[in-house]
C-alpha atoms as a PDB file:
ATOM      1  CA  MET A   1       2.603  -5.608 -22.719  1.00  0.00           C
ATOM      2  CA  ALA A   2       3.026  -1.616 -23.370  1.00  0.00           C
ATOM      3  CA  PHE A   3       3.247  -0.095 -19.799  1.00  0.00           C
ATOM      4  CA  ASN A   4       3.782   3.588 -19.536  1.00  0.00           C
ATOM      5  CA  VAL A   5       4.282   6.036 -16.748  1.00  0.00           C
ATOM      6  CA  ILE A   6       4.334   9.412 -16.214  1.00  0.00           C
ATOM      7  CA  ILE A   7       5.875  10.845 -13.077  1.00  0.00           C
ATOM      8  CA  VAL A   8       5.185  14.339 -10.662  1.00  0.00           C
ATOM      9  CA  GLU A   9       7.357  15.445  -8.774  1.00  0.00           C
ATOM     10  CA  ASP A  10       8.729  19.479  -7.873  1.00  0.00           C
ATOM     11  CA  GLU A  11      12.104  18.187  -7.194  1.00  0.00           C
ATOM     12  CA  MET A  12      14.219  17.895 -10.675  1.00  0.00           C
ATOM     13  CA  HIS A  13      16.759  15.949  -8.583  1.00  0.00           C
ATOM     14  CA  SER A  14      14.633  13.072  -7.150  1.00  0.00           C
ATOM     15  CA  ALA A  15      12.314  13.356 -10.747  1.00  0.00           C
ATOM     16  CA  GLN A  16      15.328  11.981 -11.982  1.00  0.00           C
ATOM     17  CA  MET A  17      16.519   9.328  -9.276  1.00  0.00           C
ATOM     18  CA  LEU A  18      13.119   7.716  -9.437  1.00  0.00           C
ATOM     19  CA  GLU A  19      13.344   7.400 -13.405  1.00  0.00           C
ATOM     20  CA  SER A  20      17.290   6.051 -13.088  1.00  0.00           C
ATOM     21  CA  MET A  21      15.137   3.570 -10.100  1.00  0.00           C
ATOM     22  CA  VAL A  22      12.497   2.881 -12.550  1.00  0.00           C
ATOM     23  CA  ASN A  23      14.056   1.888 -15.178  1.00  0.00           C
ATOM     24  CA  GLU A  24      17.059  -0.200 -13.608  1.00  0.00           C
ATOM     25  CA  LEU A  25      14.061  -2.324 -12.240  1.00  0.00           C
ATOM     26  CA  ARG A  26      11.624  -2.432 -14.838  1.00  0.00           C
ATOM     27  CA  PRO A  27      13.733  -1.337 -18.286  1.00  0.00           C
ATOM     28  CA  GLU A  28      10.671  -2.613 -20.020  1.00  0.00           C
ATOM     29  CA  TRP A  29       8.307   0.673 -18.630  1.00  0.00           C
ATOM     30  CA  ASN A  30       7.976   3.974 -20.395  1.00  0.00           C
ATOM     31  CA  VAL A  31       8.752   6.932 -18.841  1.00  0.00           C
ATOM     32  CA  ILE A  32       7.048   9.422 -20.841  1.00  0.00           C
ATOM     33  CA  ASP A  33       7.275  12.831 -18.672  1.00  0.00           C
ATOM     34  CA  ILE A  34       8.383  14.528 -16.170  1.00  0.00           C
ATOM     35  CA  PHE A  35       5.434  17.520 -14.752  1.00  0.00           C
ATOM     36  CA  ASP A  36       6.495  19.569 -11.280  1.00  0.00           C
ATOM     37  CA  SER A  37       2.851  20.795 -10.326  1.00  0.00           C
ATOM     38  CA  VAL A  38      -0.672  20.348 -10.372  1.00  0.00           C
ATOM     39  CA  GLU A  39      -1.368  22.782 -13.445  1.00  0.00           C
ATOM     40  CA  ASP A  40       0.294  20.403 -15.882  1.00  0.00           C
ATOM     41  CA  THR A  41      -0.642  17.728 -14.963  1.00  0.00           C
ATOM     42  CA  VAL A  42      -4.449  18.248 -15.222  1.00  0.00           C
ATOM     43  CA  ASN A  43      -3.441  19.072 -18.785  1.00  0.00           C
ATOM     44  CA  TRP A  44      -1.549  16.782 -19.266  1.00  0.00           C
ATOM     45  CA  LEU A  45      -3.808  14.579 -18.366  1.00  0.00           C
ATOM     46  CA  LYS A  46      -7.144  16.196 -20.311  1.00  0.00           C
ATOM     47  CA  ASN A  47      -5.292  16.368 -23.639  1.00  0.00           C
ATOM     48  CA  ASN A  48      -3.200  12.501 -22.910  1.00  0.00           C
ATOM     49  CA  GLU A  49      -4.610   8.842 -23.270  1.00  0.00           C
ATOM     50  CA  GLN A  50      -3.673   8.461 -19.321  1.00  0.00           C
ATOM     51  CA  PRO A  51      -0.915   6.580 -18.812  1.00  0.00           C
ATOM     52  CA  SER A  52      -0.977   2.757 -16.623  1.00  0.00           C
ATOM     53  CA  LEU A  53       0.774   3.994 -13.675  1.00  0.00           C
ATOM     54  CA  ILE A  54       1.490   7.687 -12.022  1.00  0.00           C
ATOM     55  CA  PHE A  55       4.740   8.173  -9.316  1.00  0.00           C
ATOM     56  CA  LEU A  56       3.177  11.159  -7.677  1.00  0.00           C
ATOM     57  CA  ASP A  57       4.892  13.527  -4.943  1.00  0.00           C
ATOM     58  CA  ILE A  58       1.784  15.087  -2.406  1.00  0.00           C
ATOM     59  CA  GLN A  59       3.446  18.534  -2.093  1.00  0.00           C
ATOM     60  CA  LEU A  60       3.752  20.372  -5.608  1.00  0.00           C
ATOM     61  CA  SER A  61       5.542  23.546  -6.636  1.00  0.00           C
ATOM     62  CA  ASP A  62       1.123  25.015  -7.023  1.00  0.00           C
ATOM     63  CA  GLY A  63      -0.086  23.011  -3.902  1.00  0.00           C
ATOM     64  CA  ILE A  64      -1.489  19.208  -2.969  1.00  0.00           C
ATOM     65  CA  SER A  65      -1.229  17.090  -5.845  1.00  0.00           C
ATOM     66  CA  PHE A  66      -4.333  15.794  -4.053  1.00  0.00           C
ATOM     67  CA  SER A  67      -6.709  17.881  -5.774  1.00  0.00           C
ATOM     68  CA  ILE A  68      -5.484  16.960  -9.686  1.00  0.00           C
ATOM     69  CA  PHE A  69      -8.480  14.006  -8.724  1.00  0.00           C
ATOM     70  CA  ASP A  70     -10.859  17.051  -8.344  1.00  0.00           C
ATOM     71  CA  LYS A  71      -9.746  18.582 -11.821  1.00  0.00           C
ATOM     72  CA  VAL A  72      -9.693  16.014 -13.886  1.00  0.00           C
ATOM     73  CA  GLU A  73     -10.874  11.649 -14.001  1.00  0.00           C
ATOM     74  CA  VAL A  74      -7.957   9.671 -13.446  1.00  0.00           C
ATOM     75  CA  ASP A  75      -8.768   5.873 -14.450  1.00  0.00           C
ATOM     76  CA  CYS A  76      -4.537   4.820 -13.603  1.00  0.00           C
ATOM     77  CA  GLY A  77      -2.811   3.516 -10.678  1.00  0.00           C
ATOM     78  CA  VAL A  78      -1.278   6.029  -8.493  1.00  0.00           C
ATOM     79  CA  ILE A  79       2.157   5.435  -6.350  1.00  0.00           C
ATOM     80  CA  PHE A  80       2.332   7.908  -4.429  1.00  0.00           C
ATOM     81  CA  THR A  81       5.710   9.289  -3.155  1.00  0.00           C
ATOM     82  CA  THR A  82       5.203  12.409  -0.254  1.00  0.00           C
ATOM     83  CA  ALA A  83       8.247  13.390   2.748  1.00  0.00           C
ATOM     84  CA  TYR A  84       5.732  13.838   4.910  1.00  0.00           C
ATOM     85  CA  ASP A  85       3.174  10.272   6.487  1.00  0.00           C
ATOM     86  CA  GLU A  86       0.471  12.499   7.824  1.00  0.00           C
ATOM     87  CA  TYR A  87      -1.410  12.217   4.079  1.00  0.00           C
ATOM     88  CA  ALA A  88      -1.263   8.327   3.869  1.00  0.00           C
ATOM     89  CA  VAL A  89      -4.497   7.518   4.950  1.00  0.00           C
ATOM     90  CA  LYS A  90      -5.465  10.189   2.151  1.00  0.00           C
ATOM     91  CA  ALA A  91      -4.232   8.862  -0.346  1.00  0.00           C
ATOM     92  CA  PHE A  92      -5.061   5.454   0.286  1.00  0.00           C
ATOM     93  CA  LYS A  93      -9.023   6.308  -0.561  1.00  0.00           C
ATOM     94  CA  LEU A  94      -8.014   7.303  -4.041  1.00  0.00           C
ATOM     95  CA  ASN A  95      -5.733   5.489  -7.033  1.00  0.00           C
ATOM     96  CA  SER A  96      -3.624   4.593  -4.316  1.00  0.00           C
ATOM     97  CA  VAL A  97      -1.365   1.724  -5.447  1.00  0.00           C
ATOM     98  CA  ASP A  98       0.392   2.409  -2.088  1.00  0.00           C
ATOM     99  CA  TYR A  99       2.596   4.970  -0.599  1.00  0.00           C
ATOM    100  CA  ILE A 100       6.398   5.720   0.059  1.00  0.00           C
ATOM    101  CA  LEU A 101       7.988   8.183   2.124  1.00  0.00           C
ATOM    102  CA  LYS A 102      11.056   9.724   0.408  1.00  0.00           C
ATOM    103  CA  PRO A 103      13.766   9.132   0.574  1.00  0.00           C
ATOM    104  CA  ILE A 104      13.019   6.231  -1.803  1.00  0.00           C
ATOM    105  CA  LYS A 105      14.665   3.476  -1.998  1.00  0.00           C
ATOM    106  CA  LYS A 106      15.083   0.828  -4.626  1.00  0.00           C
ATOM    107  CA  ASP A 107      13.734  -2.372  -2.290  1.00  0.00           C
ATOM    108  CA  HIS A 108      10.551  -0.325  -1.344  1.00  0.00           C
ATOM    109  CA  LEU A 109       9.879   1.115  -4.809  1.00  0.00           C
ATOM    110  CA  LEU A 110       9.729  -2.024  -5.986  1.00  0.00           C
ATOM    111  CA  THR A 111       7.794  -4.072  -3.119  1.00  0.00           C
ATOM    112  CA  ALA A 112       4.769  -1.062  -4.544  1.00  0.00           C
ATOM    113  CA  ILE A 113       5.869  -1.921  -8.078  1.00  0.00           C
ATOM    114  CA  GLU A 114       5.121  -6.003  -7.571  1.00  0.00           C
ATOM    115  CA  LYS A 115       2.045  -5.338  -5.324  1.00  0.00           C
ATOM    116  CA  LEU A 116       0.621  -3.381  -8.913  1.00  0.00           C
ATOM    117  CA  GLU A 117       1.756  -6.298 -10.735  1.00  0.00           C
ATOM    118  CA  SER A 118      -0.439  -8.243  -8.554  1.00  0.00           C
ATOM    119  CA  ILE A 119      -3.572  -6.141  -8.749  1.00  0.00           C
ATOM    120  CA  ILE A 120      -3.136  -6.941 -12.564  1.00  0.00           C
ATOM    121  CA  LYS A 121      -2.210 -10.136 -12.523  1.00  0.00           C
ATOM    122  CA  LYS A 122      -6.094 -10.521 -10.395  1.00  0.00           C
ATOM    123  CA  PHE A 123      -7.711  -8.877 -12.641  1.00  0.00           C
ATOM    124  CA  GLU A 124      -6.106  -9.521 -15.938  1.00  0.00           C
ATOM    125  CA  PRO A 125      -4.859 -13.435 -15.307  1.00  0.00           C
ATOM    126  CA  ASN A 126      -3.400 -13.425 -19.507  1.00  0.00           C
ATOM    127  CA  PRO A 127      -0.326 -11.792 -19.431  1.00  0.00           C
ATOM    128  CA  SER A 128      -0.278 -11.857 -22.998  1.00  0.00           C
ATOM    129  CA  GLU A 129      -3.215  -8.736 -23.043  1.00  0.00           C
ATOM    130  CA  ILE A 130      -3.266  -5.425 -22.290  1.00  0.00           C
ATOM    131  CA  PRO A 131      -5.029  -4.661 -19.121  1.00  0.00           C
ATOM    132  CA  ASP A 132      -7.821  -2.688 -19.178  1.00  0.00           C
ATOM    133  CA  TYR A 133      -6.443  -0.239 -16.316  1.00  0.00           C
ATOM    134  CA  LYS A 134      -9.935   1.850 -16.222  1.00  0.00           C
ATOM    135  CA  ASP A 135     -11.934  -1.571 -15.107  1.00  0.00           C
ATOM    136  CA  ILE A 136      -9.585  -3.006 -12.727  1.00  0.00           C
ATOM    137  CA  LEU A 137      -9.656   0.931 -11.198  1.00  0.00           C
ATOM    138  CA  SER A 138     -13.371   0.614 -11.471  1.00  0.00           C
ATOM    139  CA  GLY A 139     -13.494  -2.803 -10.344  1.00  0.00           C
ATOM    140  CA  LEU A 140     -11.764  -1.733  -6.917  1.00  0.00           C
ATOM    141  CA  LYS A 141     -13.263   0.865  -6.371  1.00  0.00           C
ATOM    142  CA  ASN A 142     -16.420  -1.014  -6.508  1.00  0.00           C
ATOM    143  CA  GLY A 143     -15.367  -3.436  -3.929  1.00  0.00           C
ATOM    144  CA  ILE A 144     -14.255  -6.481  -5.880  1.00  0.00           C
ATOM    145  CA  ASN A 145     -11.541  -6.452  -3.620  1.00  0.00           C
ATOM    146  CA  PRO A 146      -8.031  -8.069  -5.058  1.00  0.00           C
ATOM    147  CA  PHE A 147      -6.795  -9.265  -1.616  1.00  0.00           C
ATOM    148  CA  ARG A 148      -6.086 -12.067   0.225  1.00  0.00           C
ATOM    149  CA  LYS A 149      -9.116 -13.582   1.378  1.00  0.00           C
ATOM    150  CA  ARG A 150      -7.885 -16.755   2.968  1.00  0.00           C
ATOM    151  CA  PHE A 151      -5.081 -18.657   5.129  1.00  0.00           C
ATOM    152  CA  LEU A 152      -3.963 -22.840   4.372  1.00  0.00           C
ATOM    153  CA  VAL A 153      -3.013 -23.785   7.586  1.00  0.00           C
ATOM    154  CA  SER A 154      -1.925 -27.022   8.741  1.00  0.00           C
ATOM    155  CA  LYS A 155      -3.156 -29.275  12.325  1.00  0.00           C
ATOM    156  CA  ARG A 156      -1.429 -32.448  12.359  1.00  0.00           C
ATOM    157  CA  ASP A 157      -1.982 -34.277   8.736  1.00  0.00           C
ATOM    158  CA  ALA A 158      -4.356 -31.713   7.403  1.00  0.00           C
ATOM    159  CA  PHE A 159      -5.383 -28.720   6.233  1.00  0.00           C
ATOM    160  CA  PHE A 160      -7.733 -26.231   6.530  1.00  0.00           C
ATOM    161  CA  SER A 161      -8.740 -22.796   5.169  1.00  0.00           C
ATOM    162  CA  ILE A 162      -8.456 -19.521   7.393  1.00  0.00           C
ATOM    163  CA  PRO A 163     -10.372 -16.741   6.489  1.00  0.00           C
ATOM    164  CA  VAL A 164      -8.505 -13.382   6.835  1.00  0.00           C
ATOM    165  CA  THR A 165     -11.458 -11.742   8.580  1.00  0.00           C
ATOM    166  CA  GLU A 166     -10.706 -14.010  11.020  1.00  0.00           C
ATOM    167  CA  VAL A 167      -7.230 -13.109  12.056  1.00  0.00           C
ATOM    168  CA  ALA A 168      -6.977 -10.305  14.608  1.00  0.00           C
ATOM    169  CA  TYR A 169      -3.493  -9.738  14.011  1.00  0.00           C
ATOM    170  CA  ILE A 170       0.086 -11.586  12.754  1.00  0.00           C
ATOM    171  CA  TYR A 171       3.709 -11.074  14.166  1.00  0.00           C
ATOM    172  CA  PHE A 172       7.014 -12.478  13.350  1.00  0.00           C
ATOM    173  CA  GLU A 173       8.480 -14.492  16.309  1.00  0.00           C
ATOM    174  CA  SER A 174      12.428 -17.095  16.339  1.00  0.00           C
ATOM    175  CA  LYS A 175      12.039 -16.734  12.809  1.00  0.00           C
ATOM    176  CA  LEU A 176       8.459 -17.766  12.540  1.00  0.00           C
ATOM    177  CA  THR A 177       5.273 -15.507  10.956  1.00  0.00           C
ATOM    178  CA  TYR A 178       2.324 -16.755  13.189  1.00  0.00           C
ATOM    179  CA  ALA A 179      -1.204 -15.942  12.935  1.00  0.00           C
ATOM    180  CA  VAL A 180      -3.661 -15.437  15.838  1.00  0.00           C
ATOM    181  CA  THR A 181      -7.612 -15.546  15.731  1.00  0.00           C
ATOM    182  CA  PHE A 182     -10.167 -13.860  17.271  1.00  0.00           C
ATOM    183  CA  ASP A 183     -11.116 -17.579  19.088  1.00  0.00           C
ATOM    184  CA  ASN A 184      -7.364 -16.686  20.673  1.00  0.00           C
ATOM    185  CA  LYS A 185      -6.106 -19.543  18.671  1.00  0.00           C
ATOM    186  CA  GLU A 186      -2.820 -19.144  17.137  1.00  0.00           C
ATOM    187  CA  HIS A 187      -1.463 -20.902  13.363  1.00  0.00           C
ATOM    188  CA  ILE A 188       2.360 -20.830  11.587  1.00  0.00           C
ATOM    189  CA  ILE A 189       1.881 -18.939   8.193  1.00  0.00           C
ATOM    190  CA  ASN A 190       4.599 -19.652   5.769  1.00  0.00           C
ATOM    191  CA  PHE A 191       4.740 -15.719   4.190  1.00  0.00           C
ATOM    192  CA  THR A 192       7.415 -12.554   5.504  1.00  0.00           C
ATOM    193  CA  LEU A 193       4.802  -9.728   7.195  1.00  0.00           C
ATOM    194  CA  ASP A 194       6.729  -7.862   4.365  1.00  0.00           C
ATOM    195  CA  LYS A 195       4.944  -9.492   1.449  1.00  0.00           C
ATOM    196  CA  LEU A 196       1.910  -9.622   3.639  1.00  0.00           C
ATOM    197  CA  GLU A 197       1.892  -6.203   3.650  1.00  0.00           C
ATOM    198  CA  GLU A 198       1.747  -6.429   0.224  1.00  0.00           C
ATOM    199  CA  GLU A 199      -1.653  -8.803   0.093  1.00  0.00           C
ATOM    200  CA  LEU A 200      -3.552  -7.893   2.519  1.00  0.00           C
ATOM    201  CA  ASP A 201      -6.245  -5.191   1.698  1.00  0.00           C
ATOM    202  CA  PRO A 202      -4.856  -1.950   3.825  1.00  0.00           C
ATOM    203  CA  SER A 203      -8.400  -1.064   5.147  1.00  0.00           C
ATOM    204  CA  MET A 204      -8.657  -3.673   7.322  1.00  0.00           C
ATOM    205  CA  PHE A 205      -4.909  -4.366   7.978  1.00  0.00           C
ATOM    206  CA  ILE A 206      -1.920  -2.195   9.107  1.00  0.00           C
ATOM    207  CA  ARG A 207       1.999  -2.220  10.114  1.00  0.00           C
ATOM    208  CA  ALA A 208       1.640  -1.260  12.590  1.00  0.00           C
ATOM    209  CA  ASN A 209       5.708  -2.276  13.610  1.00  0.00           C
ATOM    210  CA  ARG A 210       8.490  -4.085  12.596  1.00  0.00           C
ATOM    211  CA  GLN A 211       7.172  -7.403  14.677  1.00  0.00           C
ATOM    212  CA  ALA A 212       3.523  -7.651  14.126  1.00  0.00           C
ATOM    213  CA  ILE A 213       0.244  -6.520  11.432  1.00  0.00           C
ATOM    214  CA  VAL A 214      -2.626  -5.789  12.800  1.00  0.00           C
ATOM    215  CA  ASN A 215      -6.688  -5.946  12.013  1.00  0.00           C
ATOM    216  CA  MET A 216      -8.418  -3.221  12.803  1.00  0.00           C
ATOM    217  CA  ASN A 217     -11.410  -5.064  14.402  1.00  0.00           C
ATOM    218  CA  ALA A 218      -8.226  -6.379  17.376  1.00  0.00           C
ATOM    219  CA  ILE A 219      -7.772  -2.651  18.462  1.00  0.00           C
ATOM    220  CA  HIS A 220      -9.928  -2.937  21.421  1.00  0.00           C
ATOM    221  CA  SER A 221      -8.077   0.982  22.384  1.00  0.00           C
ATOM    222  CA  LEU A 222      -4.656   2.844  22.378  1.00  0.00           C
ATOM    223  CA  GLU A 223      -2.531   4.079  25.120  1.00  0.00           C
ATOM    224  CA  ASN A 224       0.465   6.929  25.257  1.00  0.00           C
ATOM    225  CA  TYR A 225       3.258   6.352  25.783  1.00  0.00           C
ATOM    226  CA  PHE A 226       6.804   8.028  26.143  1.00  0.00           C
ATOM    227  CA  GLY A 227       8.617   9.631  22.945  1.00  0.00           C
ATOM    228  CA  GLY A 228       5.621  10.228  21.048  1.00  0.00           C
ATOM    229  CA  LYS A 229       4.769   6.394  20.795  1.00  0.00           C
ATOM    230  CA  LEU A 230       1.191   4.862  21.380  1.00  0.00           C
ATOM    231  CA  ILE A 231       0.529   0.882  23.711  1.00  0.00           C
ATOM    232  CA  VAL A 232      -2.402  -0.665  21.871  1.00  0.00           C
ATOM    233  CA  LYS A 233      -4.588  -2.830  22.708  1.00  0.00           C
ATOM    234  CA  LEU A 234      -5.620  -5.752  21.472  1.00  0.00           C
ATOM    235  CA  LEU A 235      -8.208  -8.447  21.572  1.00  0.00           C
ATOM    236  CA  PRO A 236      -7.267 -11.287  22.186  1.00  0.00           C
ATOM    237  CA  GLN A 237      -4.430  -9.640  23.930  1.00  0.00           C
ATOM    238  CA  PHE A 238      -0.913  -9.840  23.000  1.00  0.00           C
ATOM    239  CA  ASP A 239       1.297 -11.230  25.792  1.00  0.00           C
ATOM    240  CA  GLU A 240       4.031  -8.623  25.398  1.00  0.00           C
ATOM    241  CA  LYS A 241       3.728  -4.760  25.216  1.00  0.00           C
ATOM    242  CA  PHE A 242       2.112  -3.972  21.356  1.00  0.00           C
ATOM    243  CA  VAL A 243       3.944  -0.825  20.454  1.00  0.00           C
ATOM    244  CA  VAL A 244       3.451   1.682  17.923  1.00  0.00           C
ATOM    245  CA  SER A 245       6.967   3.558  16.600  1.00  0.00           C
ATOM    246  CA  ARG A 246       6.838   7.606  16.755  1.00  0.00           C
ATOM    247  CA  ALA A 247       6.834   7.783  13.477  1.00  0.00           C
ATOM    248  CA  LYS A 248       4.021   5.845  12.701  1.00  0.00           C
ATOM    249  CA  ALA A 249       1.455   7.017  14.849  1.00  0.00           C
ATOM    250  CA  SER A 250       0.230   9.632  13.207  1.00  0.00           C
ATOM    251  CA  ILE A 251       0.275   7.425  10.651  1.00  0.00           C
ATOM    252  CA  PHE A 252      -1.651   4.787  12.742  1.00  0.00           C
ATOM    253  CA  LYS A 253      -4.279   7.601  14.454  1.00  0.00           C
ATOM    254  CA  ASN A 254      -5.698   8.053  10.867  1.00  0.00           C
ATOM    255  CA  TRP A 255      -5.579   4.967   9.945  1.00  0.00           C
ATOM    256  CA  LEU A 256      -8.208   4.163  12.599  1.00  0.00           C
ATOM    257  CA  ASP A 257     -10.533   7.490  11.910  1.00  0.00           C
ATOM    258  CA  SER A 258     -10.798   7.308   8.396  1.00  0.00           C
END
C-alpha cells in the first residue's frame, strides 16, 4: 500500500530525526518532502496530491501551523508534534490522529502510527486496498466513531458487554486493570492503559496520570494541589487521592473547557 508522508518542522535536526524514526518504524512508507513554514506547506498542498499523513509541528518559522487549515483543505491525517502542551485540545478538533510532545520518543511515535493504522483498518478492512483518506476523515468529522464502543467482561461463568459510555474511569493497580462503571461496579479488563488510550475516544476519555483514564462525565470538580497539580473529585468516588501532574494540568483543564 502506497503511504506518502510529509514532515512540517522548522528545526532541521528535529525533522531529520523524525524522518529517520519513521523510516526505521515503517520502511515501506515514503517521506516525500520536508517543509519549515506555513507558506511552503500551503503552496505544496495546493499544487500536489495530498499525502496520506502529515507530521505537523505547531510553531513554525512564519506562524502557528493551525493557520494552514484556514488556507487549504487538508484531506489527510495529521500527527501534531510540539514542545508545548497547551495546544492539545485545539489539535484534536482538527484532523488530528495524535499529539506527540517533543522530544519525540520512538515508542510514542510508534503508538501514534499504530493508532492511525487502527483507524484506517476500521474504515478499510481490506489491507490490500489503498484507503480513501478523504472518506475516512469525512466519516470522522461526521460522527462515525472509530474508537472502542464496549468492553466484554466476565463474571463467574458468564460474559457480558459494557458500553464505554457506562465506564466512569479505568485504573491500574497490582498488575491488573479495572473499569469502574457509573453504578460503582468494578470489572477487570484485559488491557493496558497505554492500549486503551489509543482505543478510547479522546473527546470522552483522558489519561489523567500513569494509573488512570477518566470519563469526562465522571468528573465532579477540580481542586488546586501543591506544585501546580490538581486533585480530581470523581463520581463514583475513587478511594485514594486522584492527582493530575503539573505537566498535565493545563491539558486537563483545557480538555474540560472544550
